[in-house]
Amino acid sequence: MASEHEQSPFIEPLPARPSLEMQQKRAKELLRAVWAGDPDALARVRALHPKPPAVEALKLADAQLVVARGYGFESWAAMRRKINSLTETPVEQFRTALHAEDVDRVRELLEQHAEVRAAVNAPISHFDSRPVARATKNLPLLDLLLAYGADLNLKSAWWAGGFGLLEGCTPEEAAPLIERGAVVDIFAATNLGMFDRLRELLDRDPSLAHARGGDGKTPLHYARTVEIAQHLIDRGADLDARCVDHESTAAQYLVHEAPDVVRLLIARGAWFDIFIAIGLRDVDLVERCLRDDTEALDHRTWQGTYTVAHNGKRPATREEIGDRRGDVYRWVFDHNMSAIEAAARLGYDEIVELLLGHASPTQRLLAACGKADRAAAEAVTASHPNVVASLRRDQMRLIADKAHANDTAAVALMLDLGFDSHVTGPDDAEPIRWAAFQGNADLVRLLLQHDPPIGVPDARYGGTPLGWCLYGSVCGWRCDTGDFVSTVRLLLDAGERPDPTDLPTGRDDVDEVLREYLAASRDRV
């Protein structure tokens, strides 16, 4: 380790108005300078890093450590805490500590700052929830907040309808909250299966059968037992009331977790559709849906009719909703699922066969592709040679949907059948962008054989396939499981060009690939 004399030229106080973002940029610039052999940068690292690694082995974490030690801190984390204390308001620091469930830091902030004590019931957390929502499973933190005046019974301020603490709890999780004063309201009673409390509340105020809770759901949306659902119906609950956020009915919400309740709702006259019929594994209902809805086998969750009309700021009117059926099925079944795919996913083979018996060649093809059933798909194309060419865009987008789902086999099948690999799906992105985002090297390799938009920014975010890959490698759903190194190599070989200022990306293994490429490019010049 360098002596204090050697370190001193590089030690300086934090700026008067420090910025963590600026220090992150400084660390990246330092790392790029070291990689480029800049003597001042190398001297800084040797002086400030406690165990300077070889230049080629230097990582972003090392550069961050050097930057932090240049301001007199032992670690990047210590510098970040100091900068946050100087740049974040006490309430912002309070929120950060809450999310980290850092009881000691929360206590410190409550003790030191009047504005934090004043925010103990403010809607400062996710989805406009109150601080206590972060402590329902951390009782020491909860008790600390209660000691400073937190109110267990304030709902969140979520635009579509505020959530109470007990609306999403299990009975076991709810017990200590109730012991500490959480009131069992109509939604909690329904969610927790507390029939006597439900009856007491409705006897006192019958209008509660129509009340609106979190996401604008009614009590019936929370009913998980036939007894509770029956009582709500008997007291006038609207069978087909839709929530505000997902614009979906109780039956749509409950078809998986409370099928007996949904059967009761339908017996009492509730609306149902092909997805509910499939979820209940009810052949008679499926056949009724096929007779009554000519588009039953064309519907897809999170698409077309199964989307919402609201803009995320205010509830949609009945006129705006029109014939839409809400989007909760993307959470109940999955995103971009057809009825046949839903039945297959559930393992209801007899219903799959029934649906296929009513399906057109196009619908049978899409069902086969959705399951990556090559034999079934090729059987359809053999008997109907023009079926792929006749697909509408909304049908052809299945290839993008399956890339979004990271389904290599399904996309490979569709490529072989002649699907358009340039069609866009979720977020208006082509299959290559989704494959790159998820680090799916096998799928990228396949798509590169079909003239993908290499080097072309997308319309929504302005990212090339390589940009999608780099972002996904750090922030994506599969950043811990995707093969981003191989994916980056494939994209570079295909003609993608990295911006040197993208380095370091935050992924050391990806940085190594990009540096190799950039160095080779310089050598060629």
Protein backbone atom coordinates (compact mmCIF):
# COMPACT_ATOMS: atom_id res chain seq x y z
CA MET A 1 0.00 0.00 0.00
CA ALA A 2 1.26 3.50 -0.83
CA SER A 3 2.53 5.76 1.94
CA GLU A 4 0.61 8.81 3.11
CA HIS A 5 3.12 10.99 1.22
CA GLU A 6 2.42 9.11 -2.00
CA GLN A 7 -1.32 9.32 -1.43
CA SER A 8 -1.52 12.99 -0.48
CA PRO A 9 -1.48 14.52 -3.98
CA PHE A 10 -4.61 12.55 -4.78
CA ILE A 11 -6.57 13.27 -1.61
CA GLU A 12 -9.15 16.06 -1.76
CA PRO A 13 -12.33 17.05 0.08
CA LEU A 14 -15.73 16.27 -1.34
CA PRO A 15 -17.15 19.06 -3.51
CA ALA A 16 -19.48 21.47 -1.77
CA ARG A 17 -22.39 19.96 -3.66
CA PRO A 18 -21.37 16.33 -4.25
CA SER A 19 -23.23 14.16 -6.73
CA LEU A 20 -23.19 10.38 -6.60
CA GLU A 21 -23.93 10.30 -10.32
CA MET A 22 -20.87 12.45 -10.98
CA GLN A 23 -18.69 10.15 -8.86
CA GLN A 24 -20.03 7.15 -10.77
CA LYS A 25 -18.97 8.89 -13.98
CA ARG A 26 -15.57 9.68 -12.47
CA ALA A 27 -15.05 6.02 -11.61
CA LYS A 28 -15.90 4.98 -15.16
CA GLU A 29 -13.64 7.65 -16.62
CA LEU A 30 -10.82 6.55 -14.32
CA LEU A 31 -11.22 2.95 -15.40
CA ARG A 32 -11.21 3.87 -19.07
CA ALA A 33 -8.10 5.99 -18.53
CA VAL A 34 -6.30 3.13 -16.77
CA TRP A 35 -7.21 0.73 -19.55
CA ALA A 36 -5.82 3.28 -22.02
CA GLY A 37 -2.53 3.43 -20.10
CA ASP A 38 -2.88 7.02 -18.88
CA PRO A 39 0.07 7.59 -16.47
CA ASP A 40 -1.84 9.92 -14.11
CA ALA A 41 -4.67 7.43 -13.79
CA LEU A 42 -2.22 4.59 -13.16
CA ALA A 43 -0.44 6.66 -10.50
CA ARG A 44 -3.77 7.42 -8.80
CA VAL A 45 -4.66 3.76 -8.63
CA ARG A 46 -1.25 2.76 -7.29
CA ALA A 47 -1.43 5.46 -4.64
CA LEU A 48 -4.99 4.94 -3.44
CA HIS A 49 -5.88 1.30 -3.99
CA PRO A 50 -4.91 -0.81 -0.95
CA LYS A 51 -3.98 -3.75 -3.19
CA PRO A 52 -3.61 -2.45 -6.73
CA PRO A 53 -4.44 -5.18 -9.24
CA ALA A 54 -2.79 -5.49 -12.61
CA VAL A 55 -4.10 -3.05 -15.18
CA GLU A 56 -5.87 -5.73 -17.19
CA ALA A 57 -7.50 -7.07 -14.02
CA LEU A 58 -8.80 -3.70 -12.81
CA LYS A 59 -12.60 -3.68 -12.50
CA LEU A 60 -15.24 -1.02 -11.97
CA ALA A 61 -15.39 -1.83 -8.25
CA ASP A 62 -11.66 -1.09 -8.01
CA ALA A 63 -12.10 2.26 -9.74
CA GLN A 64 -14.96 3.14 -7.41
CA LEU A 65 -12.80 2.28 -4.41
CA VAL A 66 -10.03 4.54 -5.70
CA VAL A 67 -12.46 7.42 -6.21
CA ALA A 68 -13.85 6.99 -2.70
CA ARG A 69 -10.40 6.82 -1.10
CA GLY A 70 -9.48 9.94 -3.01
CA TYR A 71 -12.05 11.73 -0.85
CA GLY A 72 -10.79 10.10 2.34
CA PHE A 73 -13.37 7.31 2.62
CA GLU A 74 -12.52 3.69 3.29
CA SER A 75 -15.04 2.38 0.78
CA TRP A 76 -17.41 3.36 -1.99
CA ALA A 77 -20.33 2.47 0.27
CA ALA A 78 -19.08 4.89 2.95
CA MET A 79 -18.74 7.68 0.39
CA ARG A 80 -22.21 6.92 -1.00
CA ARG A 81 -23.73 7.15 2.48
CA LYS A 82 -22.02 10.48 3.05
CA ILE A 83 -23.11 11.90 -0.31
CA ASN A 84 -26.66 10.71 0.28
CA SER A 85 -26.64 12.40 3.67
CA LEU A 86 -25.59 15.65 1.98
CA THR A 87 -27.75 15.48 -1.12
CA GLU A 88 -30.86 13.55 -0.16
CA THR A 89 -33.37 15.19 2.11
CA PRO A 90 -33.82 13.51 5.47
CA VAL A 91 -37.15 12.11 4.22
CA GLU A 92 -35.45 10.62 1.17
CA GLN A 93 -32.86 9.02 3.44
CA PHE A 94 -35.71 7.74 5.59
CA ARG A 95 -37.30 6.08 2.58
CA THR A 96 -34.01 4.47 1.60
CA ALA A 97 -33.54 3.12 5.10
CA LEU A 98 -37.10 1.80 5.16
CA HIS A 99 -36.60 -0.10 1.93
CA ALA A 100 -33.39 -1.57 3.35
CA GLU A 101 -35.26 -2.39 6.61
CA ASP A 102 -32.36 -0.74 8.43
CA VAL A 103 -33.87 -0.32 11.87
CA ASP A 104 -30.89 1.54 13.35
CA ARG A 105 -30.77 4.06 10.50
CA VAL A 106 -34.53 4.60 10.63
CA ARG A 107 -34.28 5.23 14.37
CA GLU A 108 -31.41 7.67 13.87
CA LEU A 109 -33.31 9.66 11.26
CA LEU A 110 -36.49 9.76 13.34
CA GLU A 111 -34.54 10.98 16.35
CA GLN A 112 -32.63 13.67 14.47
CA HIS A 113 -35.14 15.19 12.04
CA ALA A 114 -38.52 16.73 12.68
CA GLU A 115 -39.42 16.42 8.99
CA VAL A 116 -38.85 12.66 9.15
CA ARG A 117 -41.08 12.38 12.19
CA ALA A 118 -43.68 14.38 10.27
CA ALA A 119 -43.41 11.90 7.36
CA VAL A 120 -44.00 8.79 9.43
CA ASN A 121 -47.44 8.45 7.82
CA ALA A 122 -46.67 10.02 4.44
CA PRO A 123 -47.18 8.06 1.17
CA ILE A 124 -43.48 7.97 0.35
CA SER A 125 -42.92 4.33 -0.62
CA HIS A 126 -43.78 2.07 -3.55
CA PHE A 127 -47.23 2.62 -5.05
CA ASP A 128 -47.75 5.55 -2.67
CA SER A 129 -47.74 3.32 0.39
CA ARG A 130 -47.01 4.45 3.95
CA PRO A 131 -43.82 3.61 5.90
CA VAL A 132 -45.55 0.86 7.89
CA ALA A 133 -46.12 -1.08 4.65
CA ARG A 134 -42.37 -1.74 4.58
CA ALA A 135 -42.43 -3.20 8.09
CA THR A 136 -45.28 -5.71 8.13
CA LYS A 137 -42.79 -8.60 8.30
CA ASN A 138 -40.19 -6.76 10.38
CA LEU A 139 -41.76 -6.28 13.77
CA PRO A 140 -38.85 -4.37 15.39
CA LEU A 141 -39.08 -1.84 12.55
CA LEU A 142 -42.85 -1.76 12.85
CA ASP A 143 -42.71 -1.13 16.60
CA LEU A 144 -40.20 1.67 16.07
CA LEU A 145 -42.51 3.37 13.57
CA LEU A 146 -45.47 2.93 15.91
CA ALA A 147 -43.50 4.54 18.73
CA TYR A 148 -43.18 7.63 16.54
CA GLY A 149 -46.87 7.81 15.71
CA ALA A 150 -47.27 5.58 12.65
CA ASP A 151 -50.91 4.73 11.90
CA LEU A 152 -51.51 1.11 10.93
CA ASN A 153 -54.88 1.98 9.46
CA LEU A 154 -53.95 4.59 6.90
CA LYS A 155 -54.33 3.17 3.42
CA SER A 156 -51.88 3.84 0.63
CA ALA A 157 -52.54 6.81 -1.65
CA TRP A 158 -52.46 4.70 -4.84
CA TRP A 159 -54.42 6.40 -7.61
CA ALA A 160 -56.61 3.37 -8.38
CA GLY A 161 -57.58 2.80 -4.75
CA GLY A 162 -55.64 2.69 -1.50
CA PHE A 163 -54.43 -0.60 0.00
CA GLY A 164 -54.77 -1.39 3.67
CA LEU A 165 -52.07 -3.40 5.42
CA LEU A 166 -54.28 -6.46 5.89
CA GLU A 167 -55.55 -6.74 2.31
CA GLY A 168 -52.59 -8.80 1.15
CA CYS A 169 -51.68 -10.60 4.37
CA THR A 170 -52.06 -14.22 5.33
CA PRO A 171 -53.80 -14.85 8.67
CA GLU A 172 -50.40 -15.60 10.21
CA GLU A 173 -48.92 -12.33 8.97
CA ALA A 174 -52.00 -10.39 10.01
CA ALA A 175 -52.08 -11.59 13.63
CA PRO A 176 -49.25 -9.39 15.01
CA LEU A 177 -50.57 -6.42 13.06
CA ILE A 178 -54.03 -6.84 14.53
CA GLU A 179 -52.48 -7.21 17.99
CA ARG A 180 -50.85 -3.84 17.46
CA GLY A 181 -54.05 -2.10 16.44
CA ALA A 182 -54.68 -2.82 12.77
CA VAL A 183 -58.43 -2.68 12.24
CA VAL A 184 -60.06 -5.50 10.31
CA ASP A 185 -62.12 -3.63 7.74
CA ILE A 186 -64.39 -5.14 5.08
CA PHE A 187 -61.47 -5.98 2.76
CA ALA A 188 -59.35 -7.48 5.51
CA ALA A 189 -62.26 -9.53 6.82
CA THR A 190 -62.92 -10.90 3.34
CA ASN A 191 -59.25 -11.54 2.58
CA LEU A 192 -58.60 -13.23 5.92
CA GLY A 193 -61.77 -15.34 5.88
CA MET A 194 -63.15 -13.70 9.04
CA PHE A 195 -66.85 -14.38 8.44
CA ASP A 196 -68.19 -13.09 11.77
CA ARG A 197 -66.35 -9.81 11.34
CA LEU A 198 -67.63 -9.52 7.76
CA ARG A 199 -71.23 -10.02 8.90
CA GLU A 200 -70.78 -7.52 11.72
CA LEU A 201 -69.49 -4.86 9.33
CA LEU A 202 -72.27 -5.40 6.78
CA ASP A 203 -74.95 -5.38 9.47
CA ARG A 204 -73.62 -2.02 10.58
CA ASP A 205 -73.25 -0.59 7.06
CA PRO A 206 -74.77 -2.59 4.14
CA SER A 207 -73.16 -0.24 1.60
CA LEU A 208 -69.78 -1.81 2.40
CA ALA A 209 -70.69 -4.63 0.01
CA HIS A 210 -69.93 -2.10 -2.74
CA ALA A 211 -66.86 -0.47 -1.14
CA ARG A 212 -63.63 -0.02 -3.06
CA GLY A 213 -60.23 -1.00 -1.70
CA GLY A 214 -56.76 -1.40 -3.14
CA ASP A 215 -56.64 -1.10 -6.94
CA GLY A 216 -60.33 -0.25 -6.71
CA LYS A 217 -61.28 -3.85 -5.94
CA THR A 218 -64.53 -4.67 -4.17
CA PRO A 219 -64.80 -7.05 -1.19
CA LEU A 220 -65.92 -9.78 -3.59
CA HIS A 221 -62.52 -9.59 -5.33
CA TYR A 222 -60.98 -10.82 -2.06
CA ALA A 223 -63.41 -13.66 -1.36
CA ARG A 224 -61.61 -16.98 -1.14
CA THR A 225 -64.32 -19.06 0.50
CA VAL A 226 -67.78 -19.88 -0.77
CA GLU A 227 -69.29 -18.88 2.57
CA ILE A 228 -67.89 -15.37 2.38
CA ALA A 229 -68.70 -14.95 -1.30
CA GLN A 230 -72.27 -16.16 -0.73
CA HIS A 231 -72.77 -13.70 2.10
CA LEU A 232 -71.48 -10.80 0.01
CA ILE A 233 -73.76 -11.75 -2.87
CA ASP A 234 -76.74 -12.05 -0.53
CA ARG A 235 -75.95 -8.58 0.74
CA GLY A 236 -76.04 -7.10 -2.74
CA ALA A 237 -72.47 -7.31 -4.00
CA ASP A 238 -72.15 -6.65 -7.73
CA LEU A 239 -71.11 -9.93 -9.35
CA ASP A 240 -69.48 -8.21 -12.30
CA ALA A 241 -67.95 -5.13 -10.66
CA ARG A 242 -64.55 -4.39 -12.12
CA CYS A 243 -61.55 -3.17 -10.22
CA VAL A 244 -60.09 0.17 -11.28
CA ASP A 245 -56.47 -0.69 -12.07
CA HIS A 246 -56.84 -3.96 -13.99
CA GLU A 247 -60.48 -3.37 -15.02
CA SER A 248 -61.23 -7.01 -14.20
CA THR A 249 -63.97 -8.85 -12.31
CA ALA A 250 -63.73 -10.94 -9.16
CA ALA A 251 -64.17 -14.11 -11.23
CA GLN A 252 -61.19 -13.16 -13.39
CA TYR A 253 -59.03 -12.60 -10.32
CA LEU A 254 -60.08 -15.73 -8.44
CA VAL A 255 -60.27 -18.39 -11.14
CA HIS A 256 -57.01 -20.01 -10.01
CA GLU A 257 -56.90 -19.40 -6.29
CA ALA A 258 -60.60 -19.83 -5.48
CA PRO A 259 -62.31 -21.83 -8.26
CA ASP A 260 -65.22 -22.85 -6.01
CA VAL A 261 -65.98 -19.18 -5.45
CA VAL A 262 -65.93 -18.57 -9.20
CA ARG A 263 -68.31 -21.47 -9.77
CA LEU A 264 -70.66 -19.86 -7.26
CA LEU A 265 -70.40 -16.51 -9.00
CA ILE A 266 -71.25 -18.05 -12.36
CA ALA A 267 -74.13 -20.01 -10.86
CA ARG A 268 -75.48 -16.72 -9.57
CA GLY A 269 -75.18 -15.11 -13.01
CA ALA A 270 -71.69 -13.62 -13.18
CA TRP A 271 -70.08 -12.96 -16.54
CA PHE A 272 -67.49 -15.47 -17.71
CA ASP A 273 -65.29 -15.98 -20.74
CA ILE A 274 -63.17 -18.68 -22.34
CA PHE A 275 -60.30 -18.16 -19.90
CA ILE A 276 -62.53 -18.56 -16.86
CA ALA A 277 -64.11 -21.65 -18.41
CA ILE A 278 -60.67 -23.14 -18.99
CA GLY A 279 -59.43 -22.18 -15.54
CA LEU A 280 -62.38 -24.04 -14.04
CA ARG A 281 -61.75 -27.04 -16.32
CA ASP A 282 -65.42 -26.90 -17.18
CA VAL A 283 -66.09 -28.47 -20.58
CA ASP A 284 -69.71 -27.29 -20.72
CA LEU A 285 -68.67 -23.68 -20.10
CA VAL A 286 -65.92 -23.96 -22.68
CA GLU A 287 -68.41 -25.16 -25.27
CA ARG A 288 -70.78 -22.32 -24.38
CA CYS A 289 -67.97 -19.80 -24.87
CA LEU A 290 -67.08 -21.30 -28.22
CA ARG A 291 -70.69 -20.98 -29.33
CA ASP A 292 -71.26 -17.48 -27.98
CA ASP A 293 -67.90 -15.84 -28.77
CA THR A 294 -66.71 -16.35 -32.33
CA GLU A 295 -63.32 -14.85 -31.41
CA ALA A 296 -62.78 -17.01 -28.34
CA LEU A 297 -59.76 -18.81 -29.80
CA ASP A 298 -58.20 -15.58 -31.09
CA HIS A 299 -58.11 -13.76 -27.76
CA ARG A 300 -54.77 -13.30 -26.05
CA THR A 301 -54.03 -12.04 -22.58
CA TRP A 302 -52.42 -8.57 -22.47
CA GLN A 303 -53.47 -7.94 -26.07
CA GLY A 304 -56.45 -6.48 -27.88
CA THR A 305 -59.62 -6.85 -25.83
CA TYR A 306 -57.61 -7.99 -22.82
CA THR A 307 -55.99 -4.64 -22.12
CA VAL A 308 -57.03 -1.66 -20.01
CA ALA A 309 -58.46 1.67 -21.10
CA HIS A 310 -57.20 3.88 -18.25
CA ASN A 311 -54.05 5.97 -18.56
CA GLY A 312 -52.60 5.14 -15.17
CA LYS A 313 -53.75 8.40 -13.64
CA ARG A 314 -57.53 8.17 -13.37
CA PRO A 315 -60.18 5.46 -13.69
CA ALA A 316 -61.54 4.87 -17.17
CA THR A 317 -65.19 5.56 -17.85
CA ARG A 318 -67.57 2.81 -18.97
CA GLU A 319 -67.55 4.35 -22.42
CA GLU A 320 -63.75 4.23 -22.56
CA ILE A 321 -63.65 0.63 -21.39
CA GLY A 322 -66.20 -0.43 -23.97
CA ASP A 323 -65.81 -4.14 -24.69
CA ARG A 324 -62.37 -4.46 -23.10
CA ARG A 325 -62.00 -7.20 -20.51
CA GLY A 326 -59.10 -5.94 -18.44
CA ASP A 327 -55.54 -7.19 -18.15
CA VAL A 328 -55.38 -9.19 -14.91
CA TYR A 329 -55.09 -12.45 -16.85
CA ARG A 330 -51.46 -11.67 -17.63
CA TRP A 331 -50.83 -12.26 -13.93
CA VAL A 332 -53.39 -15.05 -13.50
CA PHE A 333 -52.35 -17.10 -16.57
CA ASP A 334 -49.33 -15.37 -18.15
CA HIS A 335 -48.55 -12.69 -20.68
CA ASN A 336 -49.66 -13.12 -24.30
CA MET A 337 -51.51 -16.44 -23.79
CA SER A 338 -54.25 -17.79 -26.03
CA ALA A 339 -57.02 -19.98 -24.69
CA ILE A 340 -55.41 -23.08 -26.17
CA GLU A 341 -52.02 -22.18 -24.68
CA ALA A 342 -53.63 -21.55 -21.29
CA ALA A 343 -55.29 -24.97 -21.31
CA ALA A 344 -52.04 -26.62 -22.40
CA ARG A 345 -50.07 -24.77 -19.70
CA LEU A 346 -52.53 -26.07 -17.09
CA GLY A 347 -52.25 -29.61 -18.40
CA TYR A 348 -55.94 -29.86 -19.31
CA ASP A 349 -55.46 -32.15 -22.29
CA GLU A 350 -59.12 -32.91 -22.81
CA ILE A 351 -59.89 -29.20 -23.09
CA VAL A 352 -56.97 -28.66 -25.44
CA GLU A 353 -58.39 -31.34 -27.73
CA LEU A 354 -61.85 -29.78 -27.54
CA LEU A 355 -60.47 -26.35 -28.45
CA LEU A 356 -58.38 -27.72 -31.28
CA GLY A 357 -61.46 -29.45 -32.65
CA HIS A 358 -63.07 -26.00 -33.05
CA ALA A 359 -59.92 -24.24 -34.24
CA SER A 360 -59.20 -22.97 -37.73
CA PRO A 361 -55.94 -23.95 -39.45
CA THR A 362 -54.46 -20.61 -38.40
CA GLN A 363 -55.46 -21.12 -34.79
CA ARG A 364 -54.10 -24.67 -34.80
CA LEU A 365 -50.83 -23.41 -36.24
CA LEU A 366 -50.45 -20.68 -33.63
CA ALA A 367 -51.30 -23.14 -30.86
CA ALA A 368 -48.65 -25.55 -32.10
CA CYS A 369 -46.08 -22.77 -32.39
CA GLY A 370 -46.93 -21.52 -28.92
CA LYS A 371 -46.14 -24.99 -27.53
CA ALA A 372 -43.13 -25.45 -29.84
CA ASP A 373 -44.87 -28.56 -31.17
CA ARG A 374 -43.02 -28.97 -34.45
CA ALA A 375 -44.92 -32.06 -35.61
CA ALA A 376 -48.31 -30.41 -35.10
CA ALA A 377 -47.20 -27.17 -36.76
CA GLU A 378 -45.74 -28.96 -39.78
CA ALA A 379 -48.89 -31.01 -40.12
CA VAL A 380 -50.90 -27.80 -40.43
CA THR A 381 -48.53 -26.22 -42.96
CA ALA A 382 -48.44 -29.44 -44.97
CA SER A 383 -52.21 -29.45 -45.39
CA HIS A 384 -52.46 -25.64 -45.71
CA PRO A 385 -49.30 -24.45 -47.49
CA ASN A 386 -50.28 -20.77 -47.49
CA VAL A 387 -51.26 -20.54 -43.83
CA VAL A 388 -48.12 -18.68 -42.68
CA ALA A 389 -48.28 -16.19 -45.54
CA SER A 390 -51.91 -15.45 -44.68
CA LEU A 391 -51.23 -14.50 -41.05
CA ARG A 392 -52.24 -11.02 -39.92
CA ARG A 393 -49.67 -8.90 -38.15
CA ASP A 394 -51.35 -9.43 -34.78
CA GLN A 395 -51.05 -13.20 -35.38
CA MET A 396 -47.51 -13.04 -36.75
CA ARG A 397 -46.36 -11.17 -33.61
CA LEU A 398 -46.41 -14.48 -31.75
CA ILE A 399 -42.75 -14.81 -32.68
CA ALA A 400 -41.96 -11.59 -30.81
CA ASP A 401 -44.13 -12.63 -27.88
CA LYS A 402 -42.24 -15.90 -27.55
CA ALA A 403 -38.91 -14.10 -27.76
CA HIS A 404 -40.17 -11.88 -24.93
CA ALA A 405 -40.95 -15.11 -23.04
CA ASN A 406 -37.41 -16.38 -23.77
CA ASP A 407 -38.83 -19.44 -25.53
CA THR A 408 -36.05 -20.48 -27.90
CA ALA A 409 -37.76 -23.61 -29.23
CA ALA A 410 -40.95 -21.76 -30.15
CA VAL A 411 -39.10 -18.95 -31.93
CA ALA A 412 -36.87 -21.44 -33.75
CA LEU A 413 -39.93 -23.29 -35.01
CA MET A 414 -41.55 -20.11 -36.26
CA LEU A 415 -38.37 -19.03 -38.03
CA ASP A 416 -38.28 -22.35 -39.82
CA LEU A 417 -41.91 -21.94 -40.85
CA GLY A 418 -41.28 -18.52 -42.32
CA PHE A 419 -42.59 -16.13 -39.69
CA ASP A 420 -41.44 -12.54 -40.08
CA SER A 421 -38.56 -12.03 -37.65
CA HIS A 422 -38.94 -8.24 -37.95
CA VAL A 423 -42.44 -8.09 -36.51
CA THR A 424 -42.64 -6.27 -33.17
CA GLY A 425 -44.29 -7.32 -29.94
CA PRO A 426 -44.06 -6.04 -26.36
CA ASP A 427 -42.53 -2.55 -26.15
CA ASP A 428 -42.60 -2.43 -29.96
CA ALA A 429 -39.45 -4.56 -30.05
CA GLU A 430 -38.43 -7.22 -32.54
CA PRO A 431 -37.43 -10.72 -31.42
CA ILE A 432 -33.70 -9.94 -31.70
CA ARG A 433 -33.96 -7.17 -29.11
CA TRP A 434 -35.76 -9.39 -26.62
CA ALA A 435 -33.31 -12.24 -27.18
CA ALA A 436 -30.40 -9.82 -26.65
CA PHE A 437 -32.02 -8.26 -23.59
CA GLN A 438 -32.22 -11.68 -21.95
CA GLY A 439 -28.76 -12.82 -22.92
CA ASN A 440 -30.20 -15.71 -24.92
CA ALA A 441 -27.20 -16.46 -27.10
CA ASP A 442 -28.79 -19.49 -28.75
CA LEU A 443 -31.78 -17.46 -29.85
CA VAL A 444 -29.65 -14.51 -30.97
CA ARG A 445 -27.57 -16.91 -33.05
CA LEU A 446 -30.73 -18.15 -34.79
CA LEU A 447 -32.15 -14.69 -35.38
CA LEU A 448 -28.89 -13.41 -36.84
CA GLN A 449 -29.55 -15.70 -39.79
CA HIS A 450 -32.69 -13.72 -40.65
CA ASP A 451 -31.38 -10.21 -41.35
CA PRO A 452 -32.25 -8.58 -38.01
CA PRO A 453 -31.97 -4.79 -37.52
CA ILE A 454 -28.31 -4.77 -36.50
CA GLY A 455 -27.14 -1.31 -35.45
CA VAL A 456 -30.64 0.13 -35.79
CA PRO A 457 -32.08 2.02 -32.78
CA ASP A 458 -35.58 1.01 -31.77
CA ALA A 459 -38.40 3.53 -31.99
CA ARG A 460 -39.32 3.56 -28.30
CA TYR A 461 -36.02 3.61 -26.39
CA GLY A 462 -33.45 4.34 -29.08
CA GLY A 463 -31.39 1.25 -28.33
CA THR A 464 -29.71 -1.07 -30.81
CA PRO A 465 -29.78 -4.82 -30.13
CA LEU A 466 -26.37 -4.42 -28.46
CA GLY A 467 -27.78 -1.62 -26.33
CA TRP A 468 -30.66 -3.87 -25.28
CA CYS A 469 -28.14 -6.57 -24.39
CA LEU A 470 -25.95 -4.26 -22.31
CA TYR A 471 -28.96 -2.89 -20.44
CA GLY A 472 -30.36 -6.37 -19.85
CA SER A 473 -27.01 -7.62 -18.57
CA VAL A 474 -27.21 -5.18 -15.66
CA CYS A 475 -30.91 -4.42 -15.18
CA GLY A 476 -32.77 -7.22 -16.98
CA TRP A 477 -34.94 -10.05 -15.65
CA ARG A 478 -32.24 -12.60 -16.41
CA CYS A 479 -29.12 -10.60 -15.65
CA ASP A 480 -28.03 -13.40 -13.29
CA THR A 481 -28.78 -16.27 -15.65
CA GLY A 482 -28.36 -15.03 -19.22
CA ASP A 483 -25.25 -15.68 -21.31
CA PHE A 484 -24.44 -12.06 -21.97
CA VAL A 485 -20.79 -12.62 -22.85
CA SER A 486 -21.65 -14.94 -25.74
CA THR A 487 -24.53 -12.70 -26.78
CA VAL A 488 -22.31 -9.63 -26.94
CA ARG A 489 -19.73 -11.52 -28.98
CA LEU A 490 -22.41 -12.63 -31.45
CA LEU A 491 -23.75 -9.12 -31.86
CA LEU A 492 -20.29 -7.64 -32.34
CA ASP A 493 -19.46 -10.26 -34.95
CA ALA A 494 -22.74 -9.41 -36.68
CA GLY A 495 -21.80 -5.76 -37.01
CA GLU A 496 -22.95 -4.01 -33.86
CA ARG A 497 -20.56 -1.21 -32.87
CA PRO A 498 -20.06 -0.36 -29.19
CA ASP A 499 -19.64 3.19 -28.01
CA PRO A 500 -16.41 3.38 -25.97
CA THR A 501 -18.19 5.64 -23.50
CA ASP A 502 -20.51 2.74 -22.66
CA LEU A 503 -17.61 1.20 -20.77
CA PRO A 504 -17.54 0.20 -18.05
CA THR A 505 -21.04 -1.22 -18.27
CA GLY A 506 -21.28 -2.53 -14.72
CA ARG A 507 -20.58 -6.09 -15.87
CA ASP A 508 -16.89 -6.97 -15.71
CA ASP A 509 -17.26 -10.01 -17.98
CA VAL A 510 -19.06 -7.97 -20.62
CA ASP A 511 -16.52 -5.17 -20.30
CA GLU A 512 -13.74 -7.60 -21.07
CA VAL A 513 -15.40 -8.60 -24.35
CA LEU A 514 -16.01 -4.99 -25.37
CA ARG A 515 -12.45 -3.98 -24.53
CA GLU A 516 -11.07 -6.83 -26.61
CA TYR A 517 -13.19 -5.72 -29.53
CA LEU A 518 -12.22 -2.06 -29.23
CA ALA A 519 -8.55 -2.92 -28.90
CA ALA A 520 -8.71 -5.12 -31.98
CA SER A 521 -10.47 -2.31 -33.85
CA ARG A 522 -7.68 0.11 -32.97
CA ASP A 523 -5.07 -2.40 -34.10
CA ARG A 524 -6.79 -2.80 -37.45
CA VAL A 525 -6.72 0.97 -37.94
